[in-house]
Amino acid sequence: MVKVKLKEIAQSRSGDKGNTVNVALFAPNQEIYDIFLAEVTPEKVKEHFTGLVEGEVVRFDLPNIFALNFVCKEALNGGGSSSIRLDNLGKCFGSNLLRMEIEVDEQILLETIK
């Protein structure tokens, strides 16, 4: 097993509604998606966003498109119109999630990035 940042093997997209952010994580294939199911849990995502996400993190699995969608509540310090954060609309959460490290079987990693 090797540690790898999600940015090496995934894509993301994020958006907001009020004080809630959603972050979608897309795997390139079934093998990586299966690893995401085990490694990218709501608890780990909340820990990764320590200091930003104050509420619950809920994960929705989308196996037909090899994606996970995380809904992060109380994540924008009140929301776009009341927050004084630089990213008061949650657009950077996707790229922030891609900095998370997970463990991947080396053979699967090599097959994915070739």
Protein backbone atom coordinates (compact mmCIF):
# COMPACT_ATOMS: atom_id res chain seq x y z
CA MET A 1 0.00 0.00 0.00
CA VAL A 2 1.16 3.51 -0.79
CA LYS A 3 -0.14 6.88 0.36
CA VAL A 4 -1.38 9.11 -2.41
CA LYS A 5 -3.18 12.44 -2.51
CA LEU A 6 -6.62 12.27 -4.05
CA LYS A 7 -5.56 14.85 -6.65
CA GLU A 8 -3.36 12.16 -8.25
CA ILE A 9 -6.31 9.83 -8.95
CA ALA A 10 -9.55 11.81 -8.75
CA GLN A 11 -11.51 14.85 -9.82
CA SER A 12 -13.82 16.98 -7.71
CA ARG A 13 -16.51 19.61 -7.91
CA SER A 14 -18.03 21.68 -5.12
CA GLY A 15 -20.79 24.15 -4.54
CA ASP A 16 -22.92 25.68 -1.82
CA LYS A 17 -26.40 26.47 -0.65
CA GLY A 18 -26.64 28.71 2.39
CA ASN A 19 -24.33 27.40 5.11
CA THR A 20 -23.94 23.97 3.45
CA VAL A 21 -21.28 22.81 1.01
CA ASN A 22 -21.45 19.78 -1.22
CA VAL A 23 -18.30 18.19 -2.60
CA ALA A 24 -18.39 15.53 -5.30
CA LEU A 25 -15.42 13.19 -5.70
CA PHE A 26 -15.07 11.26 -8.97
CA ALA A 27 -13.02 8.07 -9.39
CA PRO A 28 -11.58 7.09 -12.78
CA ASN A 29 -12.60 3.42 -12.50
CA GLN A 30 -14.35 0.80 -10.38
CA GLU A 31 -11.20 -0.25 -8.51
CA ILE A 32 -10.44 3.27 -7.32
CA TYR A 33 -14.12 3.86 -6.52
CA ASP A 34 -14.09 0.78 -4.28
CA ILE A 35 -11.04 2.19 -2.48
CA PHE A 36 -12.81 5.54 -2.05
CA LEU A 37 -15.76 3.75 -0.44
CA ALA A 38 -13.42 2.36 2.23
CA GLU A 39 -10.97 5.23 2.60
CA VAL A 40 -12.94 8.45 2.06
CA THR A 41 -15.48 8.24 4.86
CA PRO A 42 -17.62 11.07 6.24
CA GLU A 43 -15.57 10.98 9.44
CA LYS A 44 -12.29 11.36 7.55
CA VAL A 45 -13.70 14.16 5.41
CA LYS A 46 -14.88 16.02 8.51
CA GLU A 47 -11.44 15.56 10.08
CA HIS A 48 -9.79 16.78 6.88
CA PHE A 49 -11.93 19.94 7.06
CA THR A 50 -11.25 20.58 10.75
CA GLY A 51 -11.83 24.27 11.51
CA LEU A 52 -14.06 24.71 8.44
CA VAL A 53 -16.89 22.21 8.75
CA GLU A 54 -18.61 22.53 12.12
CA GLY A 55 -21.66 20.36 11.40
CA GLU A 56 -22.42 16.88 10.15
CA VAL A 57 -20.88 15.37 6.99
CA VAL A 58 -23.15 13.02 5.05
CA ARG A 59 -21.94 10.86 2.16
CA PHE A 60 -24.06 9.80 -0.80
CA ASP A 61 -22.68 6.98 -2.96
CA LEU A 62 -23.20 7.20 -6.73
CA PRO A 63 -21.83 3.89 -8.07
CA ASN A 64 -23.19 4.34 -11.59
CA ILE A 65 -20.77 7.25 -12.16
CA PHE A 66 -18.01 6.16 -9.70
CA ALA A 67 -18.68 9.19 -7.50
CA LEU A 68 -19.19 10.14 -3.87
CA ASN A 69 -21.05 13.28 -2.85
CA PHE A 70 -20.38 14.79 0.56
CA VAL A 71 -22.82 17.24 2.08
CA CYS A 72 -21.03 19.31 4.73
CA LYS A 73 -23.33 21.22 7.05
CA GLU A 74 -22.38 24.39 8.91
CA ALA A 75 -19.41 24.78 6.61
CA LEU A 76 -19.48 28.42 5.50
CA ASN A 77 -19.52 30.41 8.72
CA GLY A 78 -23.13 31.33 8.16
CA GLY A 79 -23.24 31.39 4.36
CA GLY A 80 -22.23 33.60 1.47
CA SER A 81 -23.93 36.82 2.53
CA SER A 82 -22.92 36.68 6.19
CA SER A 83 -19.50 34.99 6.12
CA ILE A 84 -16.24 36.91 6.19
CA ARG A 85 -14.24 33.95 4.83
CA LEU A 86 -12.32 34.40 1.60
CA ASP A 87 -14.15 31.40 0.13
CA ASN A 88 -17.58 32.25 1.43
CA LEU A 89 -19.26 30.25 -1.37
CA GLY A 90 -17.48 26.91 -0.90
CA LYS A 91 -15.85 26.79 -4.33
CA CYS A 92 -12.45 25.76 -2.92
CA PHE A 93 -13.71 22.75 -0.96
CA GLY A 94 -13.27 20.46 -3.97
CA SER A 95 -9.61 21.28 -4.42
CA ASN A 96 -9.12 21.14 -0.66
CA LEU A 97 -10.55 17.62 -0.55
CA LEU A 98 -8.12 16.58 -3.28
CA ARG A 99 -5.28 17.26 -0.82
CA MET A 100 -6.47 14.38 1.39
CA GLU A 101 -4.17 11.36 1.45
CA ILE A 102 -5.43 7.80 1.24
CA GLU A 103 -3.81 4.39 0.99
CA VAL A 104 -3.99 2.61 -2.36
CA ASP A 105 -2.66 -0.74 -3.49
CA GLU A 106 0.45 0.02 -5.51
CA GLN A 107 -0.54 -2.22 -8.44
CA ILE A 108 -3.98 -0.57 -8.74
CA LEU A 109 -2.33 2.84 -8.58
CA LEU A 110 0.14 1.97 -11.35
CA GLU A 111 -2.64 0.62 -13.57
CA THR A 112 -4.72 3.75 -12.97
CA ILE A 113 -2.08 6.38 -13.72
CA LYS A 114 -0.50 4.76 -16.75
